[in-house]
C-alpha cells in the first residue's frame, strides 16, 4: 500500500476527503476556468500553434498531474515561459503555422514528458536543480521582455515577426507601421486598461461594496475572462473582423481530439533532446517552486521526485492530445489556492469544464480578437519580472549579480535556450572560481571557550607561535588544492617558529584524489623542514575514506576530534 501511496498520492489525501472538500474543489475548479481558457489560448498563439492546442494541452495536463502530482493546489498547463521556449525550439526545425511545426511541438512535449519520468525513475528530483536563483531570475526577466516585445506587432494588428529577437521585431514593426489596424490598437489599449484596472482599483472598490476578501480576490483574478467576453461581443456586434479586417482567432473545433501517439525517429530524438532537456529543467524548477510556496502556506509538503512523475505525465498527456509542453502556472495556481482548492479534484473539475467549453462554446471564440490575447500575454509577462528579487541579487552577492547580468543579456541577444545555457555555464565557472580560492584563516581560542575564530578579525584570540591552526572553509578537491598548499607554505616561510600545523576540516564534505595527494605531499614536505601536519574535526564520512588510505597509515601527525583537543595537546591553550 505504501508503494501505491507514493505512486498515486490520491490514496493519501482521499482518506480525509468528503462532501465539504468536494464543494470547495468545485468552486475552485470553476473559478480557475475563467482564467485558464483565455490564458491557454493566448499561450498557444505565443507558441506559434492553433488556439485549440492550448485547450487540449490544458485538459491533458490538469488530468495527468491530478493523478500523479503531489501538490494539492498546483494548476498545470501552458505557461508563457514554456510557450516561448517551445516557439524557439520548434521554429528551428519547422515553419510556424504548418502541420510539420505542430507535429514537432507534439513530439517535443512527448520527449519532455519522457525525460521527466526517466528522472523520476532514478530519483533525480533532489539534484535536478542545476539552475541557480540568479540564472532563473535573469532568464525569466529577459524572457518576459522578449515575450512582451513579440506581442507588440499583434497589439497593433500587423501580424507576428518572423524574427523573434528584439531587433527583428522592431525592424518588422518599422516596415509595417503603415499597416497598423486601428481597431486592433484600440481593443489592445482597452484590454490592457481593463486588466490593469482589475489588478488595481477594482479590488478596493469591491471590498468597499461589502464583498468578502476571498470573493473579491477571485473576481479580480478572473479579469482575463472579462477581456475575452468584452472582446468577443464587441467584434460580433460591430463586425470588426470583416469591416475593419481585425485579426481574430477564427474557427476552433467543437470536438475533442483523438489521442494519438507522437512517434519520432532516433534522429528526431537527437535533434529535440537538448531543447527538451532544458525545457524539462525549467518545467521542474518553475513548477516545484510554485508548488512549494503553495504547500508552505498550508504546512504541507511536496515530493520532488513525485513532482517529476506528475509533470512528466502532464507533458505526455499534452502530447497525446496534440498539445505542447506544459508546466505549473503561477497565476492559475494562486487562483486555485485562493479559491479554496484542497485536492487535485479541483484540477479535474477545471479540466472537465474546459472540455464542456470546447463542446458548447467553441464557436463563440471565433470572434475573439488576437489583440485581446496579446494584451493578456503582455500583462502576464509583466508579472514575471520580480524587481525586488533583482534588487536583492545586486545588493547581496556580486557573483549572483554577474550571473544574472550575463544570463539576462545572453537571453535577449541569443535567445532563450542559448541564454540559459550561457547562464548555467557562467554560474559554474564562477562557482569553480570561488571554490579555487576558498576562505582560509589562522584561528585562535576565544577566552576559555572551545570556540576558535580568525585572529585577524579577533586579535584577542589566544594562539602560540609554534602552532599554526588553519581553518579551510571548503572541501579539499582539485580546484583549490594548490591554493591551500601555497597558503600554508607562505605562513611557514614567514615564521621559523612554527613546528605544528593543524588543518581544521569542519567545512570539508569530501576530499577527492587531488586533495588526498595534496595532503600526502604537504605532510611529507612539512616533515622535511621539521613541521608536523595534523588534522582536526574531520567529518565521519570523510574520515571513513581517509582510514582506507596510505596517507592515514603513514601520516606523521594525528587526527584530533576537535580543534580544542588539538590546541590543548599541542599548544597547551
Protein backbone atom coordinates (compact mmCIF):
# COMPACT_ATOMS: atom_id res chain seq x y z
CA UNK A 1 0.00 0.00 0.00
CA UNK A 2 2.89 2.38 0.75
CA UNK A 3 4.16 1.88 -2.82
CA UNK A 4 0.74 2.74 -4.23
CA UNK A 5 0.55 5.81 -1.98
CA UNK A 6 3.93 7.01 -3.23
CA UNK A 7 2.99 6.42 -6.87
CA UNK A 8 -0.62 7.61 -6.61
CA UNK A 9 -0.97 10.38 -3.97
CA UNK A 10 -4.76 10.02 -4.23
CA UNK A 11 -4.50 7.10 -1.80
CA UNK A 12 -3.15 9.50 0.83
CA UNK A 13 -5.40 12.56 0.55
CA UNK A 14 -8.62 10.69 -0.32
CA UNK A 15 -8.81 9.22 3.22
CA UNK A 16 -9.97 12.59 4.58
CA UNK A 17 -11.94 13.63 1.51
CA UNK A 18 -15.66 14.29 1.92
CA UNK A 19 -18.58 16.45 0.80
CA UNK A 20 -17.15 19.66 2.26
CA UNK A 21 -13.87 19.19 0.42
CA UNK A 22 -15.70 18.41 -2.83
CA UNK A 23 -17.70 21.63 -2.51
CA UNK A 24 -14.52 23.64 -2.07
CA UNK A 25 -12.89 21.96 -5.06
CA UNK A 26 -15.98 22.56 -7.22
CA UNK A 27 -15.84 26.29 -6.50
CA UNK A 28 -12.08 26.45 -7.09
CA UNK A 29 -12.32 24.45 -10.32
CA UNK A 30 -14.98 26.81 -11.67
CA UNK A 31 -13.07 29.96 -10.71
CA UNK A 32 -9.82 28.69 -12.26
CA UNK A 33 -11.69 28.00 -15.51
CA UNK A 34 -12.23 31.74 -16.03
CA UNK A 35 -8.50 32.41 -16.13
CA UNK A 36 -7.46 29.11 -17.72
CA UNK A 37 -9.36 29.36 -21.01
CA UNK A 38 -8.13 32.80 -22.11
CA UNK A 39 -4.58 32.18 -20.92
CA UNK A 40 -4.06 28.81 -22.59
CA UNK A 41 -5.47 30.08 -25.88
CA UNK A 42 -3.13 33.07 -25.65
CA UNK A 43 -0.13 30.86 -24.87
CA UNK A 44 -0.95 28.58 -27.79
CA UNK A 45 -0.63 31.58 -30.11
CA UNK A 46 2.57 32.59 -28.31
CA UNK A 47 3.96 29.12 -29.07
CA UNK A 48 3.03 29.55 -32.74
CA UNK A 49 0.21 26.99 -32.57
CA UNK A 50 -3.58 27.00 -33.13
CA UNK A 51 -5.82 28.08 -30.25
CA UNK A 52 -7.26 24.62 -29.66
CA UNK A 53 -3.83 23.12 -28.88
CA UNK A 54 -3.67 25.25 -25.74
CA UNK A 55 -7.07 23.96 -24.62
CA UNK A 56 -6.12 20.34 -25.38
CA UNK A 57 -2.81 20.69 -23.55
CA UNK A 58 -4.59 22.18 -20.53
CA UNK A 59 -7.09 19.31 -20.32
CA UNK A 60 -4.44 16.61 -20.50
CA UNK A 61 -2.03 18.42 -18.18
CA UNK A 62 -4.64 19.01 -15.48
CA UNK A 63 -5.75 15.36 -15.55
CA UNK A 64 -2.24 13.91 -15.78
CA UNK A 65 -0.92 15.96 -12.91
CA UNK A 66 -4.01 15.31 -10.77
CA UNK A 67 -3.27 11.57 -10.91
CA UNK A 68 0.45 11.64 -10.12
CA UNK A 69 1.29 15.10 -8.72
CA UNK A 70 1.92 15.71 -5.02
CA UNK A 71 0.68 19.33 -4.75
CA UNK A 72 -2.94 19.95 -3.79
CA UNK A 73 -3.12 23.38 -5.45
CA UNK A 74 -0.71 23.41 -8.41
CA UNK A 75 -2.52 24.15 -11.70
CA UNK A 76 -0.57 22.69 -14.62
CA UNK A 77 -0.91 23.68 -18.25
CA UNK A 78 0.54 26.02 -20.89
CA UNK A 79 2.62 28.88 -19.46
CA UNK A 80 4.21 31.95 -21.04
CA UNK A 81 7.83 30.91 -20.45
CA UNK A 82 7.40 27.35 -21.72
CA UNK A 83 5.38 28.60 -24.71
CA UNK A 84 8.23 30.97 -25.60
CA UNK A 85 10.78 28.17 -25.24
CA UNK A 86 8.58 25.93 -27.41
CA UNK A 87 8.40 28.61 -30.11
CA UNK A 88 12.17 28.98 -30.17
CA UNK A 89 12.88 25.25 -30.08
CA UNK A 90 10.36 24.18 -32.72
CA UNK A 91 10.98 27.16 -35.04
CA UNK A 92 14.49 25.88 -35.70
CA UNK A 93 13.04 22.65 -37.13
CA UNK A 94 9.81 23.75 -38.85
CA UNK A 95 7.89 26.82 -40.01
CA UNK A 96 5.24 28.14 -37.58
CA UNK A 97 1.69 27.61 -38.84
CA UNK A 98 2.46 24.41 -40.70
CA UNK A 99 1.35 20.86 -39.89
CA UNK A 100 5.01 19.89 -39.53
CA UNK A 101 5.51 22.60 -36.90
CA UNK A 102 2.58 21.30 -34.88
CA UNK A 103 3.90 17.73 -35.11
CA UNK A 104 7.34 18.77 -33.86
CA UNK A 105 5.73 20.64 -30.93
CA UNK A 106 3.79 17.49 -30.02
CA UNK A 107 6.98 15.41 -30.23
CA UNK A 108 8.79 17.95 -28.05
CA UNK A 109 6.09 17.58 -25.38
CA UNK A 110 6.39 13.78 -25.53
CA UNK A 111 10.18 13.82 -25.17
CA UNK A 112 9.97 16.35 -22.34
CA UNK A 113 7.47 14.11 -20.54
CA UNK A 114 9.61 11.01 -21.03
CA UNK A 115 12.67 12.83 -19.72
CA UNK A 116 10.85 13.94 -16.58
CA UNK A 117 9.59 10.40 -15.92
CA UNK A 118 13.07 8.98 -16.55
CA UNK A 119 14.48 11.39 -14.00
CA UNK A 120 11.78 10.22 -11.56
CA UNK A 121 12.80 6.60 -12.07
CA UNK A 122 16.36 7.39 -11.00
CA UNK A 123 15.11 9.57 -8.09
CA UNK A 124 16.73 12.66 -9.52
CA UNK A 125 14.29 15.14 -8.01
CA UNK A 126 16.59 16.39 -5.28
CA UNK A 127 19.54 17.11 -7.59
CA UNK A 128 17.91 18.32 -10.81
CA UNK A 129 18.06 22.00 -9.81
CA UNK A 130 21.09 22.95 -11.87
CA UNK A 131 19.79 26.48 -12.37
CA UNK A 132 20.85 28.94 -9.69
CA UNK A 133 18.43 31.61 -8.49
CA UNK A 134 20.39 34.27 -10.39
CA UNK A 135 20.21 32.27 -13.64
CA UNK A 136 16.48 31.64 -13.24
CA UNK A 137 15.74 35.28 -12.41
CA UNK A 138 17.86 36.56 -15.30
CA UNK A 139 16.30 34.08 -17.70
CA UNK A 140 12.70 34.81 -16.64
CA UNK A 141 13.23 38.58 -16.70
CA UNK A 142 14.75 38.57 -20.17
CA UNK A 143 12.19 36.04 -21.45
CA UNK A 144 9.38 38.26 -20.14
CA UNK A 145 10.81 41.22 -22.08
CA UNK A 146 11.09 39.05 -25.21
CA UNK A 147 7.51 37.86 -24.78
CA UNK A 148 6.18 41.40 -24.41
CA UNK A 149 8.25 42.63 -27.36
CA UNK A 150 6.94 39.88 -29.59
CA UNK A 151 3.36 40.85 -28.75
CA UNK A 152 3.76 44.47 -29.86
CA UNK A 153 3.05 43.78 -33.56
CA UNK A 154 -0.07 41.80 -32.62
CA UNK A 155 -1.24 44.63 -30.37
CA UNK A 156 -1.05 46.82 -33.47
CA UNK A 157 -2.76 44.23 -35.67
CA UNK A 158 0.15 43.87 -38.11
CA UNK A 159 0.99 40.19 -37.59
CA UNK A 160 3.89 38.44 -35.88
CA UNK A 161 7.52 38.99 -36.85
CA UNK A 162 9.36 36.03 -38.36
CA UNK A 163 12.45 37.00 -36.34
CA UNK A 164 11.57 36.84 -32.62
CA UNK A 165 14.63 38.81 -31.48
CA UNK A 166 14.12 42.36 -30.26
CA UNK A 167 15.91 43.76 -33.33
CA UNK A 168 13.83 41.56 -35.62
CA UNK A 169 10.55 42.64 -34.02
CA UNK A 170 11.47 46.34 -34.10
CA UNK A 171 12.51 46.06 -37.76
CA UNK A 172 9.27 44.27 -38.60
CA UNK A 173 7.22 46.98 -36.89
CA UNK A 174 9.11 49.73 -38.70
CA UNK A 175 8.44 48.08 -42.05
CA UNK A 176 4.72 47.53 -41.31
CA UNK A 177 3.97 50.77 -39.48
CA UNK A 178 1.68 51.94 -42.28
CA UNK A 179 -0.44 48.80 -41.88
CA UNK A 180 -1.43 49.39 -38.25
CA UNK A 181 -5.02 48.28 -37.62
CA UNK A 182 -6.68 51.00 -35.55
CA UNK A 183 -9.41 48.64 -34.34
CA UNK A 184 -6.75 46.24 -33.03
CA UNK A 185 -4.87 49.11 -31.36
CA UNK A 186 -7.99 50.41 -29.62
CA UNK A 187 -9.02 46.92 -28.44
CA UNK A 188 -5.46 46.30 -27.22
CA UNK A 189 -5.38 49.50 -25.22
CA UNK A 190 -8.86 48.85 -23.85
CA UNK A 191 -7.97 45.30 -22.83
CA UNK A 192 -4.73 46.37 -21.14
CA UNK A 193 -6.61 49.16 -19.36
CA UNK A 194 -9.27 46.69 -18.18
CA UNK A 195 -6.69 44.18 -16.94
CA UNK A 196 -4.75 46.89 -15.10
CA UNK A 197 -7.96 48.24 -13.58
CA UNK A 198 -8.88 44.78 -12.32
CA UNK A 199 -5.39 44.32 -10.85
CA UNK A 200 -5.54 47.74 -9.17
CA UNK A 201 -8.61 49.76 -8.19
CA UNK A 202 -11.24 47.04 -8.71
CA UNK A 203 -10.26 45.11 -5.59
CA UNK A 204 -10.67 48.11 -3.31
CA UNK A 205 -13.93 49.05 -5.00
CA UNK A 206 -15.43 45.57 -4.50
CA UNK A 207 -14.33 45.47 -0.85
CA UNK A 208 -15.96 48.86 -0.28
CA UNK A 209 -19.22 47.33 -1.53
CA UNK A 210 -19.04 44.74 1.26
CA UNK A 211 -17.79 41.72 -0.72
CA UNK A 212 -15.63 39.23 1.13
CA UNK A 213 -11.88 39.23 0.55
CA UNK A 214 -11.97 35.75 -0.97
CA UNK A 215 -14.77 36.60 -3.44
CA UNK A 216 -13.08 39.89 -4.32
CA UNK A 217 -9.79 38.12 -4.95
CA UNK A 218 -11.44 35.57 -7.27
CA UNK A 219 -13.33 38.26 -9.19
CA UNK A 220 -10.18 40.34 -9.64
CA UNK A 221 -8.12 37.41 -10.87
CA UNK A 222 -10.79 36.40 -13.39
CA UNK A 223 -10.01 39.59 -15.34
CA UNK A 224 -8.73 37.79 -18.47
CA UNK A 225 -12.17 36.25 -18.98
CA UNK A 226 -13.79 39.69 -18.79
CA UNK A 227 -11.46 40.94 -21.51
CA UNK A 228 -12.25 37.90 -23.65
CA UNK A 229 -16.02 38.25 -23.29
CA UNK A 230 -15.98 42.01 -23.99
CA UNK A 231 -13.68 41.49 -26.96
CA UNK A 232 -15.88 38.77 -28.47
CA UNK A 233 -19.09 40.78 -28.01
CA UNK A 234 -17.51 43.93 -29.45
CA UNK A 235 -16.25 42.20 -32.59
CA UNK A 236 -19.54 40.37 -33.10
CA UNK A 237 -21.71 43.47 -32.67
CA UNK A 238 -19.57 45.77 -34.81
CA UNK A 239 -18.47 43.11 -37.33
CA UNK A 240 -14.88 44.29 -36.88
CA UNK A 241 -13.47 41.08 -38.32
CA UNK A 242 -14.91 41.88 -41.74
CA UNK A 243 -15.42 45.64 -41.65
CA UNK A 244 -12.02 46.55 -40.14
CA UNK A 245 -10.09 43.38 -41.05
CA UNK A 246 -9.43 42.83 -37.34
CA UNK A 247 -7.38 39.63 -36.77
CA UNK A 248 -9.46 37.12 -34.80
CA UNK A 249 -8.90 33.59 -33.51
CA UNK A 250 -11.18 32.01 -36.09
CA UNK A 251 -12.62 28.51 -36.03
CA UNK A 252 -11.94 26.28 -33.05
CA UNK A 253 -13.10 22.66 -33.49
CA UNK A 254 -16.09 21.95 -31.25
CA UNK A 255 -14.84 18.44 -30.58
CA UNK A 256 -12.11 16.72 -28.64
CA UNK A 257 -9.11 15.27 -30.47
CA UNK A 258 -8.49 11.55 -30.65
CA UNK A 259 -5.48 10.55 -28.53
CA UNK A 260 -2.54 9.91 -30.82
CA UNK A 261 0.98 8.72 -30.07
CA UNK A 262 3.58 11.22 -31.26
CA UNK A 263 6.09 8.78 -32.73
CA UNK A 264 9.57 10.03 -33.52
CA UNK A 265 12.73 8.57 -35.01
CA UNK A 266 16.09 8.33 -33.29
CA UNK A 267 17.33 11.21 -35.46
CA UNK A 268 14.40 13.39 -34.33
CA UNK A 269 15.12 12.44 -30.72
CA UNK A 270 18.72 13.57 -31.12
CA UNK A 271 17.58 16.89 -32.61
CA UNK A 272 14.97 17.66 -29.96
CA UNK A 273 16.68 16.17 -26.90
CA UNK A 274 18.78 19.24 -25.95
CA UNK A 275 15.74 21.54 -26.11
CA UNK A 276 13.56 19.01 -24.31
CA UNK A 277 16.12 18.61 -21.51
CA UNK A 278 16.34 22.36 -20.99
CA UNK A 279 12.54 22.69 -21.05
CA UNK A 280 12.24 19.78 -18.58
CA UNK A 281 14.62 21.54 -16.18
CA UNK A 282 12.67 24.80 -16.41
CA UNK A 283 9.34 22.95 -16.07
CA UNK A 284 10.57 21.28 -12.90
CA UNK A 285 12.10 24.44 -11.43
CA UNK A 286 9.09 26.62 -12.26
CA UNK A 287 6.54 24.10 -11.02
CA UNK A 288 8.21 22.92 -7.82
CA UNK A 289 8.94 26.48 -6.69
CA UNK A 290 5.25 27.35 -7.12
CA UNK A 291 4.09 24.09 -5.54
CA UNK A 292 6.43 24.51 -2.57
CA UNK A 293 5.22 28.07 -1.98
CA UNK A 294 1.59 26.93 -2.03
CA UNK A 295 2.29 23.94 0.24
CA UNK A 296 4.16 26.02 2.81
CA UNK A 297 1.12 28.24 3.33
CA UNK A 298 -0.83 25.17 4.49
CA UNK A 299 2.07 23.50 6.29
CA UNK A 300 2.06 20.77 3.69
CA UNK A 301 4.95 19.47 1.63
CA UNK A 302 5.53 18.25 -1.89
CA UNK A 303 7.66 15.33 -3.02
CA UNK A 304 10.25 16.47 -5.59
CA UNK A 305 10.53 13.02 -7.17
CA UNK A 306 6.77 12.63 -7.33
CA UNK A 307 6.59 16.06 -8.99
CA UNK A 308 8.77 14.69 -11.77
CA UNK A 309 6.22 11.91 -12.27
CA UNK A 310 3.27 14.30 -12.19
CA UNK A 311 4.85 16.81 -14.57
CA UNK A 312 6.08 14.05 -16.85
CA UNK A 313 2.57 12.58 -17.03
CA UNK A 314 1.15 16.05 -17.73
CA UNK A 315 3.52 16.57 -20.66
CA UNK A 316 2.92 13.08 -22.05
CA UNK A 317 -0.81 13.69 -21.78
CA UNK A 318 -0.48 17.03 -23.56
CA UNK A 319 1.37 15.25 -26.34
CA UNK A 320 -1.30 12.55 -26.63
CA UNK A 321 -3.99 15.20 -27.19
CA UNK A 322 -1.94 17.23 -29.67
CA UNK A 323 -0.66 19.86 -27.24
CA UNK A 324 2.76 21.29 -26.43
CA UNK A 325 4.99 21.29 -23.30
CA UNK A 326 3.33 22.38 -20.05
CA UNK A 327 4.33 23.42 -16.53
CA UNK A 328 2.84 24.71 -13.31
CA UNK A 329 1.23 28.11 -13.80
CA UNK A 330 1.88 30.71 -11.12
CA UNK A 331 -1.23 32.80 -11.87
CA UNK A 332 -3.63 29.86 -12.12
CA UNK A 333 -2.13 28.12 -9.08
CA UNK A 334 -2.58 31.26 -6.98
CA UNK A 335 -6.21 31.48 -8.10
CA UNK A 336 -6.72 27.78 -7.39
CA UNK A 337 -5.22 28.17 -3.92
CA UNK A 338 -7.10 31.36 -3.02
CA UNK A 339 -10.37 29.90 -4.33
CA UNK A 340 -10.07 27.14 -1.72
CA UNK A 341 -8.84 24.07 -3.64
CA UNK A 342 -7.99 21.31 -1.18
CA UNK A 343 -7.06 18.50 -3.56
CA UNK A 344 -6.26 17.70 -7.22
CA UNK A 345 -10.01 17.18 -7.72
CA UNK A 346 -10.17 20.93 -8.37
CA UNK A 347 -7.88 20.43 -11.39
CA UNK A 348 -10.04 17.55 -12.62
CA UNK A 349 -13.11 19.81 -12.39
CA UNK A 350 -11.33 22.57 -14.31
CA UNK A 351 -10.33 20.05 -16.99
CA UNK A 352 -13.92 18.82 -17.34
CA UNK A 353 -15.18 22.40 -17.58
CA UNK A 354 -12.62 23.12 -20.31
CA UNK A 355 -13.98 20.08 -22.18
CA UNK A 356 -17.51 21.49 -21.76
CA UNK A 357 -16.30 24.88 -23.00
CA UNK A 358 -14.87 23.31 -26.16
CA UNK A 359 -18.01 21.28 -26.88
CA UNK A 360 -20.52 24.07 -26.18
CA UNK A 361 -18.80 27.44 -26.61
CA UNK A 362 -16.06 26.79 -29.18
CA UNK A 363 -17.98 28.71 -31.84
CA UNK A 364 -18.04 31.88 -29.72
CA UNK A 365 -14.25 32.06 -29.74
CA UNK A 366 -14.30 32.66 -33.49
CA UNK A 367 -14.74 36.40 -32.81
CA UNK A 368 -12.07 36.59 -30.10
CA UNK A 369 -9.58 39.33 -31.19
CA UNK A 370 -5.95 38.27 -31.20
CA UNK A 371 -5.23 41.71 -29.77
CA UNK A 372 -7.02 40.68 -26.56
CA UNK A 373 -4.85 37.57 -26.29
CA UNK A 374 -1.73 39.68 -26.79
CA UNK A 375 -2.90 42.05 -24.06
CA UNK A 376 -3.36 39.07 -21.69
CA UNK A 377 0.14 37.81 -22.55
CA UNK A 378 1.72 41.23 -22.00
CA UNK A 379 0.12 41.66 -18.57
CA UNK A 380 1.04 38.09 -17.61
CA UNK A 381 4.63 38.63 -18.75
CA UNK A 382 4.85 41.84 -16.70
CA UNK A 383 4.08 39.81 -13.60
CA UNK A 384 7.11 37.60 -14.29
CA UNK A 385 9.53 40.47 -13.68
CA UNK A 386 10.40 40.42 -9.99
CA UNK A 387 12.03 43.80 -9.30
CA UNK A 388 12.57 43.01 -5.60
CA UNK A 389 14.43 39.79 -6.44
CA UNK A 390 16.63 41.61 -8.94
CA UNK A 391 17.40 44.35 -6.43
CA UNK A 392 18.29 41.74 -3.81
CA UNK A 393 20.64 39.93 -6.21
CA UNK A 394 22.63 43.09 -6.95
CA UNK A 395 22.67 44.21 -3.32
CA UNK A 396 23.71 40.94 -1.72
CA UNK A 397 26.09 38.96 -3.92
CA UNK A 398 28.45 40.13 -6.67
CA UNK A 399 28.75 36.65 -8.16
CA UNK A 400 24.98 36.35 -8.50
CA UNK A 401 24.83 39.84 -9.99
CA UNK A 402 27.36 38.86 -12.67
CA UNK A 403 25.47 35.63 -13.37
CA UNK A 404 22.17 37.49 -13.65
CA UNK A 405 23.65 40.09 -16.00
CA UNK A 406 25.25 37.55 -18.33
CA UNK A 407 22.10 35.42 -18.43
CA UNK A 408 19.82 38.41 -18.98
CA UNK A 409 21.75 39.84 -21.92
CA UNK A 410 22.50 36.40 -23.38
CA UNK A 411 18.79 35.55 -23.49
CA UNK A 412 17.95 38.93 -25.03
CA UNK A 413 20.67 38.72 -27.67
CA UNK A 414 20.98 35.00 -28.41
CA UNK A 415 17.59 33.57 -27.48
CA UNK A 416 16.12 31.66 -24.57
CA UNK A 417 17.93 28.33 -24.94
CA UNK A 418 21.39 29.74 -25.66
CA UNK A 419 20.94 32.35 -22.93
CA UNK A 420 20.06 29.79 -20.26
CA UNK A 421 22.97 27.55 -21.26
CA UNK A 422 25.34 30.51 -21.07
CA UNK A 423 23.89 31.42 -17.67
CA UNK A 424 24.45 27.88 -16.40
CA UNK A 425 28.00 27.87 -17.77
CA UNK A 426 28.79 31.25 -16.19
CA UNK A 427 27.37 30.18 -12.81
CA UNK A 428 29.52 27.02 -12.84
CA UNK A 429 32.62 28.95 -13.89
CA UNK A 430 32.08 31.46 -11.09
CA UNK A 431 31.41 28.64 -8.63
CA UNK A 432 34.66 26.92 -9.59
CA UNK A 433 36.50 30.24 -9.42
CA UNK A 434 35.09 30.84 -5.93
CA UNK A 435 35.97 27.30 -4.81
CA UNK A 436 39.50 27.64 -6.21
CA UNK A 437 40.23 30.43 -3.72
CA UNK A 438 38.44 29.27 -0.55
CA UNK A 439 38.28 31.32 2.61
CA UNK A 440 41.28 30.29 4.74
CA UNK A 441 42.09 31.77 8.14
CA UNK A 442 44.50 31.25 11.03
CA UNK A 443 42.45 30.79 14.21
CA UNK A 444 42.90 31.16 17.96
CA UNK A 445 40.89 30.28 21.06
CA UNK A 446 38.31 32.79 22.32
CA UNK A 447 38.99 33.12 26.05
CA UNK A 448 38.41 29.88 27.92
CA UNK A 449 35.76 28.65 25.49
CA UNK A 450 36.03 25.96 22.86
CA UNK A 451 35.33 28.49 20.13
CA UNK A 452 38.07 29.37 17.66
CA UNK A 453 37.99 32.48 15.50
CA UNK A 454 40.07 34.29 12.87
CA UNK A 455 42.95 36.00 14.68
CA UNK A 456 42.96 38.79 12.08
CA UNK A 457 39.34 39.61 12.96
CA UNK A 458 39.66 38.86 16.69
CA UNK A 459 43.11 39.99 17.92
CA UNK A 460 42.36 38.75 21.45
CA UNK A 461 42.02 35.15 20.27
CA UNK A 462 44.70 33.08 22.02
CA UNK A 463 47.35 31.34 19.92
CA UNK A 464 51.02 30.41 20.12
CA UNK A 465 53.70 30.99 17.52
CA UNK A 466 54.81 27.35 17.35
CA UNK A 467 51.34 26.03 16.35
CA UNK A 468 49.61 27.18 13.17
CA UNK A 469 45.88 26.37 13.29
CA UNK A 470 44.37 26.83 9.83
CA UNK A 471 40.67 26.57 9.02
CA UNK A 472 39.72 25.93 5.38
CA UNK A 473 36.08 26.79 4.63
CA UNK A 474 35.72 24.44 1.68
CA UNK A 475 36.08 20.81 0.68
CA UNK A 476 39.54 19.73 -0.49
CA UNK A 477 39.43 18.97 -4.20
CA UNK A 478 41.25 19.59 -7.45
CA UNK A 479 40.29 23.25 -7.95
CA UNK A 480 41.68 24.51 -4.63
CA UNK A 481 44.48 22.18 -3.53
CA UNK A 482 47.26 24.38 -4.91
CA UNK A 483 45.81 27.48 -3.22
CA UNK A 484 45.57 25.74 0.18
CA UNK A 485 49.07 24.32 -0.09
CA UNK A 486 50.51 27.70 -1.07
CA UNK A 487 48.76 29.44 1.84
CA UNK A 488 50.28 27.06 4.40
CA UNK A 489 53.79 27.20 2.90
CA UNK A 490 53.63 31.02 2.86
CA UNK A 491 52.83 31.04 6.59
CA UNK A 492 55.69 28.59 7.24
CA UNK A 493 58.08 30.80 5.26
CA UNK A 494 57.02 33.84 7.29
CA UNK A 495 57.75 32.25 10.68
CA UNK A 496 60.58 29.86 11.58
CA UNK A 497 58.92 29.23 14.96
CA UNK A 498 56.14 27.07 13.54
CA UNK A 499 56.55 23.40 14.46
CA UNK A 500 52.96 22.13 14.21
CA UNK A 501 50.25 22.74 11.62
CA UNK A 502 46.63 21.86 12.45
CA UNK A 503 44.40 21.74 9.37
CA UNK A 504 40.80 22.23 10.58
CA UNK A 505 38.38 20.43 8.24
CA UNK A 506 34.97 21.46 9.59
CA UNK A 507 33.79 22.54 6.11
CA UNK A 508 35.28 19.60 4.19
CA UNK A 509 32.36 17.49 3.00
CA UNK A 510 34.63 15.45 0.75
CA UNK A 511 38.27 15.04 -0.26
CA UNK A 512 38.96 13.92 -3.82
CA UNK A 513 42.11 12.25 -5.18
CA UNK A 514 43.79 15.61 -5.81
CA UNK A 515 43.02 16.66 -2.24
CA UNK A 516 44.44 13.41 -0.88
CA UNK A 517 47.62 13.82 -2.91
CA UNK A 518 47.96 17.38 -1.63
CA UNK A 519 47.70 16.15 1.98
CA UNK A 520 50.31 13.45 1.34
CA UNK A 521 52.76 15.88 -0.28
CA UNK A 522 52.08 18.56 2.31
CA UNK A 523 52.68 16.14 5.17
CA UNK A 524 55.99 14.92 3.72
CA UNK A 525 57.25 18.35 2.68
CA UNK A 526 56.47 19.84 6.09
CA UNK A 527 58.10 16.87 7.83
CA UNK A 528 61.31 17.52 5.89
CA UNK A 529 61.54 21.03 7.38
CA UNK A 530 60.68 19.88 10.89
CA UNK A 531 56.97 20.70 10.87
CA UNK A 532 54.25 18.14 11.62
CA UNK A 533 50.84 18.20 9.91
CA UNK A 534 47.75 17.32 11.99
CA UNK A 535 44.04 17.20 11.08
CA UNK A 536 41.11 18.24 13.27
CA UNK A 537 37.31 17.99 13.12
CA UNK A 538 37.23 15.66 10.12
CA UNK A 539 33.64 14.62 9.35
CA UNK A 540 32.71 10.97 9.79
CA UNK A 541 32.16 10.01 6.11
CA UNK A 542 35.41 11.77 5.14
CA UNK A 543 37.28 10.06 7.98
CA UNK A 544 35.95 6.67 6.89
CA UNK A 545 37.54 7.23 3.47
CA UNK A 546 40.82 8.53 4.93
CA UNK A 547 41.24 5.45 7.14
CA UNK A 548 41.43 3.32 3.97
CA UNK A 549 44.41 5.29 2.59
CA UNK A 550 48.18 5.00 2.94
CA UNK A 551 48.25 8.65 3.96
CA UNK A 552 46.40 7.87 7.18
CA UNK A 553 48.65 4.90 7.92
CA UNK A 554 51.87 6.82 7.29
CA UNK A 555 50.99 10.36 8.42
CA UNK A 556 53.41 11.89 10.92
CA UNK A 557 50.81 13.81 12.87
CA UNK A 558 47.47 12.99 14.50
CA UNK A 559 43.78 13.37 13.73
CA UNK A 560 42.08 15.24 16.57
CA UNK A 561 38.37 15.00 17.31
CA UNK A 562 38.10 18.75 17.99
CA UNK A 563 40.26 21.83 17.49
CA UNK A 564 40.13 22.39 21.24
CA UNK A 565 41.72 18.99 21.91
CA UNK A 566 44.41 19.67 19.34
CA UNK A 567 45.33 23.05 20.81
CA UNK A 568 45.29 21.68 24.39
CA UNK A 569 47.77 18.96 23.50
CA UNK A 570 49.97 20.83 21.03
CA UNK A 571 49.94 24.39 22.39
CA UNK A 572 48.61 23.99 25.94
CA UNK A 573 45.97 26.70 25.42
